[in-house]
């Protein structure tokens, strides 16, 4: 019996199916190419980066200032401009030291009758001045005293404790090196160049030794910070790469800096904000399991699957990030006409409009408003996404974006039932940015130990920033107290939020 004949290659239905499959594949490849082009040549965020926007504004403001300076050559215009500047510049902070200078007339003899002039008042003006950073030498003298009667007893005060015994730096200088490296993102070789301009030869390896010793001394404070955050009922978590030099291989390896953050201010929580970084040589799921041992509550994260092991362990509920969902649709909408992605963005935007209105309210109020305004959006969005998923090629990037959202829908909906939960994990992503700046300038850490030092010091610096504490003053005091033998049972006294907040900075211009 003859076998059934296969459909001819020119069969209209077969050709139509093959053509549709080829078009879908071409569209998927086109979207991948456009995404790669945007990654290489385009913006990295969904909105114009603030730093880039400020750079543009700076250029415009400088041009305007040059134009006004040229116009100030006319006396009438100059007088008007000076009056405007005096009216708008505000008051200088009262805590700044004042250096007074009295400007008297050349002669106190009356030009009319040659009598002696007397003061009837004065005009006072203030200008903001700066004294460039000046390195100084602290000389400590410890006199020895003896008794003239017995000539045997010799009394001398003990030497003040030092963080680095027998070393050159004061605790304040070590703190300055730490803040410059981890808050201002100045690599040690640049700091060595700055010292050299003042005639002080400090090799980069010397500064590295100071950083290492300071990080070792600060480890108990860092551990207590992480322990305190683990005791919270809600945390954010994220991770970023940390290139580390790999001796013997002639290249770097990729470590990870895990970030665990707490910020209850959006819903009026009383716990102070903080962030703790932990270095690890890899990105396995075992790392957060170990870091968050004992944590019970809500953990808000991105879509990384490694966090699932935390939820499987029990006691932890994962809340996912809508910003990561939105970003996938945004990339598609930016690549060309994409009506489904554009409509998805419009629906997600309604959630963010509600969040903007309830920011700062109590957790109960936030939950009530979300139930009224956000729940209908979520209830309509899920079936709509499933419907659209059935109408498009399953190999397209749009299908990937939809599947990403639907596979995490339970975690994306947690915010509806818990007013403490944010719509996204931007809190911890903001805490990651300083690490990226340090990484960009320093290129890599010298070893796994250097990655651990990075995590310890950056945790304290960034927690200081979150609590309005000046990092240099904080680290100077903490290092001094540790050198003097501060007991570990009182580590809570060394937490950044235990220090008085920096004075409010008021606009002065």
Protein backbone atom coordinates (compact mmCIF):
# COMPACT_ATOMS: atom_id res chain seq x y z
CA UNK A 1 0.00 0.00 0.00
CA UNK A 2 1.43 3.35 -1.00
CA UNK A 3 2.35 5.80 1.77
CA UNK A 4 0.22 8.97 1.96
CA UNK A 5 1.73 11.80 0.02
CA UNK A 6 3.22 14.67 2.03
CA UNK A 7 1.81 18.16 1.46
CA UNK A 8 3.45 19.85 -1.48
CA UNK A 9 5.89 22.62 -0.54
CA UNK A 10 3.72 25.18 -2.25
CA UNK A 11 0.67 24.36 -0.15
CA UNK A 12 -0.85 27.74 0.89
CA UNK A 13 -1.45 26.77 4.54
CA UNK A 14 2.07 25.41 5.01
CA UNK A 15 3.62 28.43 3.36
CA UNK A 16 1.51 30.73 5.52
CA UNK A 17 2.60 28.98 8.71
CA UNK A 18 6.26 29.00 7.69
CA UNK A 19 6.06 32.67 6.78
CA UNK A 20 4.43 33.58 10.12
CA UNK A 21 7.09 31.64 12.02
CA UNK A 22 9.88 33.32 10.08
CA UNK A 23 8.40 36.77 10.66
CA UNK A 24 8.10 36.09 14.39
CA UNK A 25 11.71 34.96 14.52
CA UNK A 26 12.85 38.02 12.56
CA UNK A 27 10.90 40.29 14.89
CA UNK A 28 12.47 38.63 17.94
CA UNK A 29 15.96 39.05 16.50
CA UNK A 30 15.21 42.67 15.58
CA UNK A 31 14.15 43.43 19.15
CA UNK A 32 17.29 41.78 20.52
CA UNK A 33 19.48 43.88 18.22
CA UNK A 34 17.66 47.07 19.22
CA UNK A 35 18.04 46.18 22.90
CA UNK A 36 21.76 45.63 22.40
CA UNK A 37 22.07 48.95 20.58
CA UNK A 38 20.25 50.77 23.38
CA UNK A 39 22.45 49.04 25.95
CA UNK A 40 25.59 50.08 24.07
CA UNK A 41 24.63 53.54 22.86
CA UNK A 42 21.43 54.58 24.63
CA UNK A 43 20.25 55.56 28.06
CA UNK A 44 20.37 52.89 30.76
CA UNK A 45 17.25 54.01 32.64
CA UNK A 46 13.59 54.64 31.90
CA UNK A 47 13.99 58.35 32.59
CA UNK A 48 16.76 60.84 32.03
CA UNK A 49 19.39 60.26 34.74
CA UNK A 50 19.39 63.06 37.27
CA UNK A 51 23.14 63.56 37.00
CA UNK A 52 22.91 63.99 33.23
CA UNK A 53 20.02 66.41 33.58
CA UNK A 54 21.97 68.47 36.11
CA UNK A 55 24.98 68.61 33.81
CA UNK A 56 22.80 70.13 31.10
CA UNK A 57 21.31 72.62 33.55
CA UNK A 58 24.80 73.58 34.76
CA UNK A 59 25.89 74.45 31.23
CA UNK A 60 22.79 76.58 30.66
CA UNK A 61 23.21 78.36 34.00
CA UNK A 62 26.88 79.07 33.30
CA UNK A 63 25.99 80.63 29.96
CA UNK A 64 23.33 82.77 31.62
CA UNK A 65 25.82 83.91 34.27
CA UNK A 66 28.32 84.96 31.61
CA UNK A 67 25.63 86.99 29.86
CA UNK A 68 24.62 88.70 33.11
CA UNK A 69 28.27 89.44 33.94
CA UNK A 70 28.60 91.26 30.63
CA UNK A 71 25.42 93.22 31.34
CA UNK A 72 26.69 94.17 34.83
CA UNK A 73 29.27 96.47 33.24
CA UNK A 74 26.58 99.13 33.18
CA UNK A 75 26.22 100.82 36.61
CA UNK A 76 22.42 100.84 36.60
CA UNK A 77 22.18 97.15 35.72
CA UNK A 78 24.87 96.22 38.23
CA UNK A 79 23.05 97.93 41.11
CA UNK A 80 19.82 96.12 40.28
CA UNK A 81 21.58 92.76 40.03
CA UNK A 82 23.37 93.23 43.37
CA UNK A 83 20.07 94.03 45.07
CA UNK A 84 18.50 90.85 43.60
CA UNK A 85 21.39 88.70 44.80
CA UNK A 86 21.17 90.09 48.33
CA UNK A 87 17.44 89.47 48.41
CA UNK A 88 17.60 85.85 47.18
CA UNK A 89 20.75 84.41 48.74
CA UNK A 90 19.27 83.59 52.16
CA UNK A 91 21.12 83.36 55.49
CA UNK A 92 24.35 81.51 56.12
CA UNK A 93 24.15 78.70 58.74
CA UNK A 94 24.68 79.93 62.29
CA UNK A 95 27.00 77.04 63.23
CA UNK A 96 29.74 78.19 60.85
CA UNK A 97 32.61 80.10 62.51
CA UNK A 98 32.74 83.83 61.79
CA UNK A 99 35.96 85.70 61.02
CA UNK A 100 35.28 89.40 61.32
CA UNK A 101 37.09 92.12 59.43
CA UNK A 102 36.43 95.80 60.18
CA UNK A 103 36.82 98.15 57.22
CA UNK A 104 37.26 101.74 58.48
CA UNK A 105 37.54 104.89 56.37
CA UNK A 106 41.05 106.03 55.58
CA UNK A 107 40.58 109.00 57.93
CA UNK A 108 38.28 109.61 60.93
CA UNK A 109 38.60 113.40 60.58
CA UNK A 110 35.45 115.25 59.51
CA UNK A 111 35.93 116.58 55.98
CA UNK A 112 33.83 119.65 56.86
CA UNK A 113 35.07 120.95 60.22
CA UNK A 114 38.11 118.71 60.83
CA UNK A 115 36.48 117.37 64.02
CA UNK A 116 36.69 113.73 65.17
CA UNK A 117 34.10 111.37 63.72
CA UNK A 118 32.21 108.93 66.00
CA UNK A 119 30.41 105.71 65.11
CA UNK A 120 26.64 105.96 64.66
CA UNK A 121 26.02 102.53 63.16
CA UNK A 122 27.39 99.99 60.75
CA UNK A 123 26.54 97.87 57.74
CA UNK A 124 27.25 94.15 58.05
CA UNK A 125 27.59 91.75 55.14
CA UNK A 126 28.55 88.11 55.10
CA UNK A 127 30.31 86.06 52.42
CA UNK A 128 30.83 82.33 52.35
CA UNK A 129 34.55 81.49 52.49
CA UNK A 130 36.54 78.27 52.53
CA UNK A 131 39.90 77.26 53.96
CA UNK A 132 41.39 74.48 51.81
CA UNK A 133 42.02 71.19 53.59
CA UNK A 134 45.24 71.49 55.51
CA UNK A 135 47.23 68.58 56.84
CA UNK A 136 48.73 69.23 60.25
CA UNK A 137 50.90 67.37 62.75
CA UNK A 138 49.58 66.55 66.20
CA UNK A 139 52.46 66.68 68.68
CA UNK A 140 51.81 64.77 71.90
CA UNK A 141 54.14 65.52 74.77
CA UNK A 142 54.07 63.35 77.91
CA UNK A 143 56.21 64.94 80.62
CA UNK A 144 57.77 62.66 83.21
CA UNK A 145 57.68 63.77 86.83
CA UNK A 146 59.90 62.66 89.70
CA UNK A 147 59.89 63.33 93.44
CA UNK A 148 62.81 65.43 94.75
CA UNK A 149 62.51 63.87 98.16
CA UNK A 150 62.83 60.17 97.30
CA UNK A 151 63.97 60.45 93.69
CA UNK A 152 62.61 56.98 93.00
CA UNK A 153 59.04 57.48 91.86
CA UNK A 154 58.63 58.60 88.23
CA UNK A 155 55.12 59.47 87.06
CA UNK A 156 54.03 59.81 83.43
CA UNK A 157 50.60 59.82 81.84
CA UNK A 158 49.89 56.81 79.59
CA UNK A 159 50.02 57.42 75.85
CA UNK A 160 46.64 58.03 74.25
CA UNK A 161 45.23 54.98 72.51
CA UNK A 162 45.73 54.78 68.76
CA UNK A 163 43.90 52.83 66.13
CA UNK A 164 47.21 52.08 64.44
CA UNK A 165 49.83 51.63 67.14
CA UNK A 166 53.15 53.16 66.13
CA UNK A 167 51.61 54.53 62.94
CA UNK A 168 51.51 58.06 61.60
CA UNK A 169 47.78 58.75 61.19
CA UNK A 170 45.33 60.12 63.69
CA UNK A 171 41.91 58.51 63.82
CA UNK A 172 40.48 61.54 61.99
CA UNK A 173 42.96 61.08 59.14
CA UNK A 174 42.04 57.40 58.78
CA UNK A 175 38.38 58.42 58.73
CA UNK A 176 39.13 60.96 56.02
CA UNK A 177 40.74 58.26 53.85
CA UNK A 178 37.72 55.99 54.36
CA UNK A 179 35.19 58.70 53.52
CA UNK A 180 37.16 59.80 50.46
CA UNK A 181 37.31 56.24 49.16
CA UNK A 182 33.83 54.95 49.97
CA UNK A 183 31.68 58.10 50.08
CA UNK A 184 33.45 60.34 47.53
CA UNK A 185 34.68 57.39 45.40
CA UNK A 186 38.33 58.50 45.29
CA UNK A 187 40.70 55.56 44.78
CA UNK A 188 43.70 55.44 47.08
CA UNK A 189 46.19 56.33 44.36
CA UNK A 190 44.31 59.60 43.75
CA UNK A 191 44.31 60.35 47.45
CA UNK A 192 48.07 59.75 47.47
CA UNK A 193 48.37 62.34 44.69
CA UNK A 194 46.35 64.84 46.73
CA UNK A 195 48.65 64.38 49.74
CA UNK A 196 51.68 64.74 47.46
CA UNK A 197 50.51 68.20 46.40
CA UNK A 198 51.01 69.26 50.03
CA UNK A 199 54.49 67.76 50.14
CA UNK A 200 53.45 64.61 52.02
CA UNK A 201 54.61 61.33 50.55
CA UNK A 202 52.10 58.63 51.45
CA UNK A 203 52.30 55.56 49.24
CA UNK A 204 49.09 53.92 48.11
CA UNK A 205 50.08 50.74 49.98
CA UNK A 206 50.33 52.76 53.19
CA UNK A 207 46.80 54.08 52.74
CA UNK A 208 45.63 50.54 51.94
CA UNK A 209 47.13 49.34 55.23
CA UNK A 210 45.19 52.01 57.11
CA UNK A 211 41.94 51.03 55.36
CA UNK A 212 42.46 47.35 56.14
CA UNK A 213 43.14 47.96 59.81
CA UNK A 214 40.15 50.29 60.12
CA UNK A 215 37.87 47.76 58.42
CA UNK A 216 39.06 45.06 60.83
CA UNK A 217 38.27 47.30 63.80
CA UNK A 218 34.82 48.16 62.40
CA UNK A 219 33.75 44.55 61.75
CA UNK A 220 31.83 44.17 65.05
CA UNK A 221 29.88 47.34 64.28
CA UNK A 222 29.03 46.03 60.82
CA UNK A 223 27.94 42.68 62.22
CA UNK A 224 25.72 44.40 64.75
CA UNK A 225 24.22 46.56 61.99
CA UNK A 226 23.31 43.47 59.96
CA UNK A 227 21.96 41.75 63.06
CA UNK A 228 19.75 44.76 63.81
CA UNK A 229 18.37 44.80 60.28
CA UNK A 230 17.62 41.07 60.43
CA UNK A 231 15.42 41.75 63.45
CA UNK A 232 13.12 43.93 61.31
CA UNK A 233 9.82 42.73 59.92
CA UNK A 234 10.52 43.95 56.39
CA UNK A 235 13.70 44.30 54.34
CA UNK A 236 14.85 44.99 50.80
CA UNK A 237 17.51 42.84 49.17
CA UNK A 238 19.58 43.17 46.02
CA UNK A 239 23.05 42.33 44.77
CA UNK A 240 25.64 43.75 42.39
CA UNK A 241 28.90 42.57 40.97
CA UNK A 242 32.21 43.31 42.66
CA UNK A 243 35.23 42.65 40.38
CA UNK A 244 38.07 41.21 42.45
CA UNK A 245 41.66 40.72 41.38
CA UNK A 246 42.48 37.05 40.91
CA UNK A 247 46.26 36.61 41.35
CA UNK A 248 47.88 33.99 39.18
CA UNK A 249 45.25 34.17 36.44
CA UNK A 250 46.10 37.64 35.17
CA UNK A 251 42.53 38.87 35.35
CA UNK A 252 39.70 39.63 37.73
CA UNK A 253 36.97 37.33 39.02
CA UNK A 254 33.42 38.37 39.73
CA UNK A 255 32.42 38.58 43.37
CA UNK A 256 29.09 39.83 44.67
CA UNK A 257 28.08 42.55 47.09
CA UNK A 258 24.70 41.71 48.62
CA UNK A 259 22.72 44.64 49.98
CA UNK A 260 20.08 44.38 52.72
CA UNK A 261 18.23 47.63 53.41
CA UNK A 262 15.52 48.93 55.71
CA UNK A 263 13.61 52.14 55.15
CA UNK A 264 10.25 52.46 56.88
CA UNK A 265 9.92 56.20 56.37
CA UNK A 266 7.44 55.99 53.45
CA UNK A 267 4.82 54.52 55.80
CA UNK A 268 5.86 56.28 59.02
CA UNK A 269 7.74 53.42 60.65
CA UNK A 270 9.85 54.26 63.69
CA UNK A 271 12.88 52.07 62.99
CA UNK A 272 15.77 54.12 61.58
CA UNK A 273 16.82 53.41 58.00
CA UNK A 274 19.96 51.43 57.31
CA UNK A 275 21.76 49.29 54.76
CA UNK A 276 24.27 46.49 55.27
CA UNK A 277 26.42 45.11 52.47
CA UNK A 278 27.91 41.64 52.61
CA UNK A 279 30.61 40.46 50.23
CA UNK A 280 30.50 36.93 48.82
CA UNK A 281 32.65 35.31 46.12
CA UNK A 282 29.60 34.04 44.21
CA UNK A 283 25.86 34.55 43.64
CA UNK A 284 24.52 31.21 44.80
CA UNK A 285 21.24 30.96 46.70
CA UNK A 286 23.14 29.84 49.78
CA UNK A 287 24.44 33.37 50.32
CA UNK A 288 21.16 35.12 51.22
CA UNK A 289 20.16 32.06 53.23
CA UNK A 290 23.23 32.55 55.39
CA UNK A 291 23.09 36.34 55.51
CA UNK A 292 19.41 36.42 56.53
CA UNK A 293 19.53 33.58 59.00
CA UNK A 294 16.87 34.28 61.62
CA UNK A 295 15.00 36.88 59.56
CA UNK A 296 11.21 36.56 59.55
CA UNK A 297 8.98 38.88 57.56
CA UNK A 298 8.59 40.39 54.10
CA UNK A 299 11.61 40.52 51.80
CA UNK A 300 11.23 42.79 48.79
CA UNK A 301 13.46 41.74 45.90
CA UNK A 302 13.87 41.75 42.14
CA UNK A 303 13.18 38.69 40.00
CA UNK A 304 16.38 36.76 40.84
CA UNK A 305 15.38 33.14 41.41
CA UNK A 306 17.95 32.60 44.16
CA UNK A 307 15.65 34.27 46.69
CA UNK A 308 13.05 31.51 46.24
CA UNK A 309 15.04 29.31 48.62
CA UNK A 310 14.35 31.86 51.36
CA UNK A 311 10.59 31.59 50.86
CA UNK A 312 10.79 27.79 50.73
CA UNK A 313 12.53 27.79 54.10
CA UNK A 314 9.45 29.34 55.68
CA UNK A 315 8.87 32.52 57.65
CA UNK A 316 9.73 34.79 54.73
CA UNK A 317 7.29 36.21 52.21
CA UNK A 318 8.74 37.53 48.94
CA UNK A 319 7.41 40.78 47.49
CA UNK A 320 8.53 41.47 43.93
CA UNK A 321 9.35 44.71 42.16
CA UNK A 322 7.05 46.42 39.68
CA UNK A 323 9.91 48.58 38.38
CA UNK A 324 11.55 45.46 36.94
CA UNK A 325 8.28 44.50 35.22
CA UNK A 326 7.82 48.00 33.87
CA UNK A 327 11.41 48.13 32.59
CA UNK A 328 10.86 45.15 30.26
CA UNK A 329 7.80 46.73 28.66
CA UNK A 330 9.58 50.08 28.47
CA UNK A 331 12.46 48.58 26.48
CA UNK A 332 9.97 47.20 23.98
CA UNK A 333 8.03 50.46 23.69
CA UNK A 334 11.24 52.40 23.09
CA UNK A 335 12.27 50.08 20.26
CA UNK A 336 9.41 51.06 17.98
CA UNK A 337 5.61 50.71 17.69
CA UNK A 338 4.52 48.32 20.42
CA UNK A 339 0.85 48.85 21.30
CA UNK A 340 0.63 46.02 23.84
CA UNK A 341 3.77 47.14 25.70
CA UNK A 342 2.59 50.76 25.62
CA UNK A 343 -0.80 49.85 27.06
CA UNK A 344 0.88 47.75 29.77
CA UNK A 345 2.98 50.78 30.72
CA UNK A 346 -0.15 52.93 30.96
CA UNK A 347 -1.79 50.44 33.32
CA UNK A 348 1.32 50.21 35.51
CA UNK A 349 1.49 54.01 35.58
CA UNK A 350 -1.88 54.05 37.37
CA UNK A 351 -0.34 52.05 40.21
CA UNK A 352 2.48 54.57 40.55
CA UNK A 353 0.07 57.52 40.56
CA UNK A 354 -1.70 55.98 43.54
CA UNK A 355 1.62 55.42 45.30
CA UNK A 356 2.59 59.06 44.83
CA UNK A 357 -0.61 60.15 46.57
CA UNK A 358 -0.24 57.88 49.61
CA UNK A 359 3.48 58.26 50.26
CA UNK A 360 4.10 59.19 53.88
CA UNK A 361 0.78 57.93 55.18
CA UNK A 362 0.40 55.15 57.72
CA UNK A 363 0.48 51.51 56.66
CA UNK A 364 -3.25 51.16 57.34
CA UNK A 365 -4.14 54.16 55.19
CA UNK A 366 -1.90 52.96 52.40
CA UNK A 367 -3.52 49.54 52.40
CA UNK A 368 -7.01 51.05 52.29
CA UNK A 369 -6.17 53.31 49.36
CA UNK A 370 -4.54 50.46 47.47
CA UNK A 371 -7.59 48.28 47.98
CA UNK A 372 -9.76 51.02 46.51
CA UNK A 373 -7.58 52.23 43.62
CA UNK A 374 -4.84 49.69 42.86
CA UNK A 375 -6.66 46.38 43.30
CA UNK A 376 -9.02 46.99 40.33
CA UNK A 377 -5.99 47.73 38.14
CA UNK A 378 -4.25 44.52 39.24
CA UNK A 379 -7.46 42.48 38.85
CA UNK A 380 -7.88 43.66 35.26
CA UNK A 381 -4.22 43.50 34.32
CA UNK A 382 -3.63 39.78 34.90
CA UNK A 383 -6.35 38.41 32.57
CA UNK A 384 -5.45 41.05 30.00
CA UNK A 385 -1.82 39.91 30.00
CA UNK A 386 -2.87 36.25 29.67
CA UNK A 387 -5.13 37.14 26.77
CA UNK A 388 -2.37 39.02 24.95
CA UNK A 389 0.11 36.22 25.64
CA UNK A 390 -2.14 33.83 23.69
CA UNK A 391 -2.22 36.17 20.68
CA UNK A 392 1.52 36.64 20.13
CA UNK A 393 4.51 34.51 19.27
CA UNK A 394 5.80 32.68 22.33
CA UNK A 395 9.37 33.30 21.18
CA UNK A 396 9.03 37.09 21.15
CA UNK A 397 10.52 39.37 23.78
CA UNK A 398 7.02 40.67 24.51
CA UNK A 399 5.99 37.14 25.48
CA UNK A 400 9.07 36.93 27.72
CA UNK A 401 8.09 40.20 29.42
CA UNK A 402 4.53 39.00 30.01
CA UNK A 403 5.67 35.62 31.32
CA UNK A 404 8.11 37.38 33.65
CA UNK A 405 5.22 39.30 35.23
CA UNK A 406 2.72 36.40 35.36
CA UNK A 407 5.23 33.98 36.90
CA UNK A 408 5.72 36.41 39.80
CA UNK A 409 2.16 37.61 40.14
CA UNK A 410 1.68 36.51 43.76
CA UNK A 411 4.77 38.43 44.87
CA UNK A 412 3.79 41.45 42.75
CA UNK A 413 0.41 41.56 44.52
CA UNK A 414 1.74 41.50 48.11
CA UNK A 415 1.69 45.30 48.31
CA UNK A 416 -2.12 45.26 48.10
CA UNK A 417 -2.44 43.50 51.47
CA UNK A 418 0.48 45.06 53.37
CA UNK A 419 0.83 48.84 53.59
CA UNK A 420 4.47 48.51 54.62
CA UNK A 421 5.43 47.04 51.27
CA UNK A 422 6.58 49.37 48.49
CA UNK A 423 5.56 49.03 44.86
CA UNK A 424 9.18 48.47 43.86
CA UNK A 425 12.61 47.82 45.34
CA UNK A 426 14.06 51.22 44.41
CA UNK A 427 15.13 51.75 48.03
CA UNK A 428 17.81 49.10 47.79
CA UNK A 429 18.64 49.94 44.17
CA UNK A 430 19.50 53.47 45.30
CA UNK A 431 21.75 51.92 47.94
CA UNK A 432 23.52 49.99 45.17
CA UNK A 433 24.44 53.11 43.16
CA UNK A 434 27.30 54.26 45.44
CA UNK A 435 28.85 50.82 45.06
CA UNK A 436 28.69 51.20 41.29
CA UNK A 437 30.45 54.58 41.46
CA UNK A 438 33.23 53.19 43.64
CA UNK A 439 33.53 50.19 41.31
CA UNK A 440 33.73 52.45 38.27
CA UNK A 441 36.56 54.54 39.73
CA UNK A 442 38.52 51.81 41.48
CA UNK A 443 37.91 49.14 38.77
CA UNK A 444 38.30 46.20 41.18
CA UNK A 445 39.04 45.13 44.73
CA UNK A 446 42.48 43.69 45.35
CA UNK A 447 41.25 40.46 46.94
CA UNK A 448 38.27 38.80 48.62
CA UNK A 449 39.46 40.50 51.80
CA UNK A 450 39.30 43.84 50.02
CA UNK A 451 35.71 43.06 49.02
CA UNK A 452 34.87 42.40 52.65
CA UNK A 453 36.48 45.69 53.71
CA UNK A 454 34.44 47.42 51.02
CA UNK A 455 31.23 45.94 52.43
CA UNK A 456 32.03 46.87 56.05
CA UNK A 457 32.93 50.50 55.49
CA UNK A 458 30.37 51.22 52.76
CA UNK A 459 27.61 49.89 55.05
CA UNK A 460 28.44 52.42 57.77
CA UNK A 461 28.97 55.30 55.33
CA UNK A 462 25.68 54.77 53.51
CA UNK A 463 23.73 54.23 56.74
CA UNK A 464 25.14 57.54 57.96
CA UNK A 465 23.80 59.21 54.83
CA UNK A 466 20.35 57.67 55.31
CA UNK A 467 20.21 59.00 58.89
CA UNK A 468 21.59 62.48 58.22
CA UNK A 469 24.85 61.80 60.07
CA UNK A 470 28.07 63.29 58.74
CA UNK A 471 30.23 60.22 57.89
CA UNK A 472 33.64 61.70 58.73
CA UNK A 473 32.63 62.88 62.19
CA UNK A 474 30.95 59.53 62.83
CA UNK A 475 33.88 57.37 61.74
CA UNK A 476 36.39 59.57 63.59
CA UNK A 477 34.51 59.15 66.85
CA UNK A 478 33.78 55.43 66.39
CA UNK A 479 37.41 54.60 65.53
CA UNK A 480 38.61 56.55 68.55
CA UNK A 481 36.18 54.81 70.88
CA UNK A 482 37.12 51.40 69.50
CA UNK A 483 40.83 52.18 69.96
CA UNK A 484 40.09 53.16 73.56
CA UNK A 485 38.45 49.79 74.21
CA UNK A 486 34.72 50.34 73.70
CA UNK A 487 33.00 47.14 74.97
CA UNK A 488 31.22 44.93 72.44
CA UNK A 489 28.18 44.65 74.68
CA UNK A 490 27.49 48.34 73.98
CA UNK A 491 27.75 48.25 70.18
CA UNK A 492 24.29 49.82 69.84
CA UNK A 493 25.90 53.07 70.98
CA UNK A 494 28.07 52.97 67.85
CA UNK A 495 25.24 52.58 65.35
CA UNK A 496 25.02 55.55 62.95
CA UNK A 497 21.48 56.41 64.04
CA UNK A 498 22.67 56.70 67.66
CA UNK A 499 24.60 59.85 66.71
CA UNK A 500 23.02 63.27 66.57
CA UNK A 501 21.83 64.17 63.10
CA UNK A 502 23.81 66.71 61.19
CA UNK A 503 22.44 70.22 61.33
CA UNK A 504 19.87 70.98 58.71
CA UNK A 505 21.46 72.45 55.61
CA UNK A 506 19.57 75.52 54.51
CA UNK A 507 19.78 77.00 51.07
CA UNK A 508 22.20 79.92 51.07
CA UNK A 509 22.00 80.91 47.41
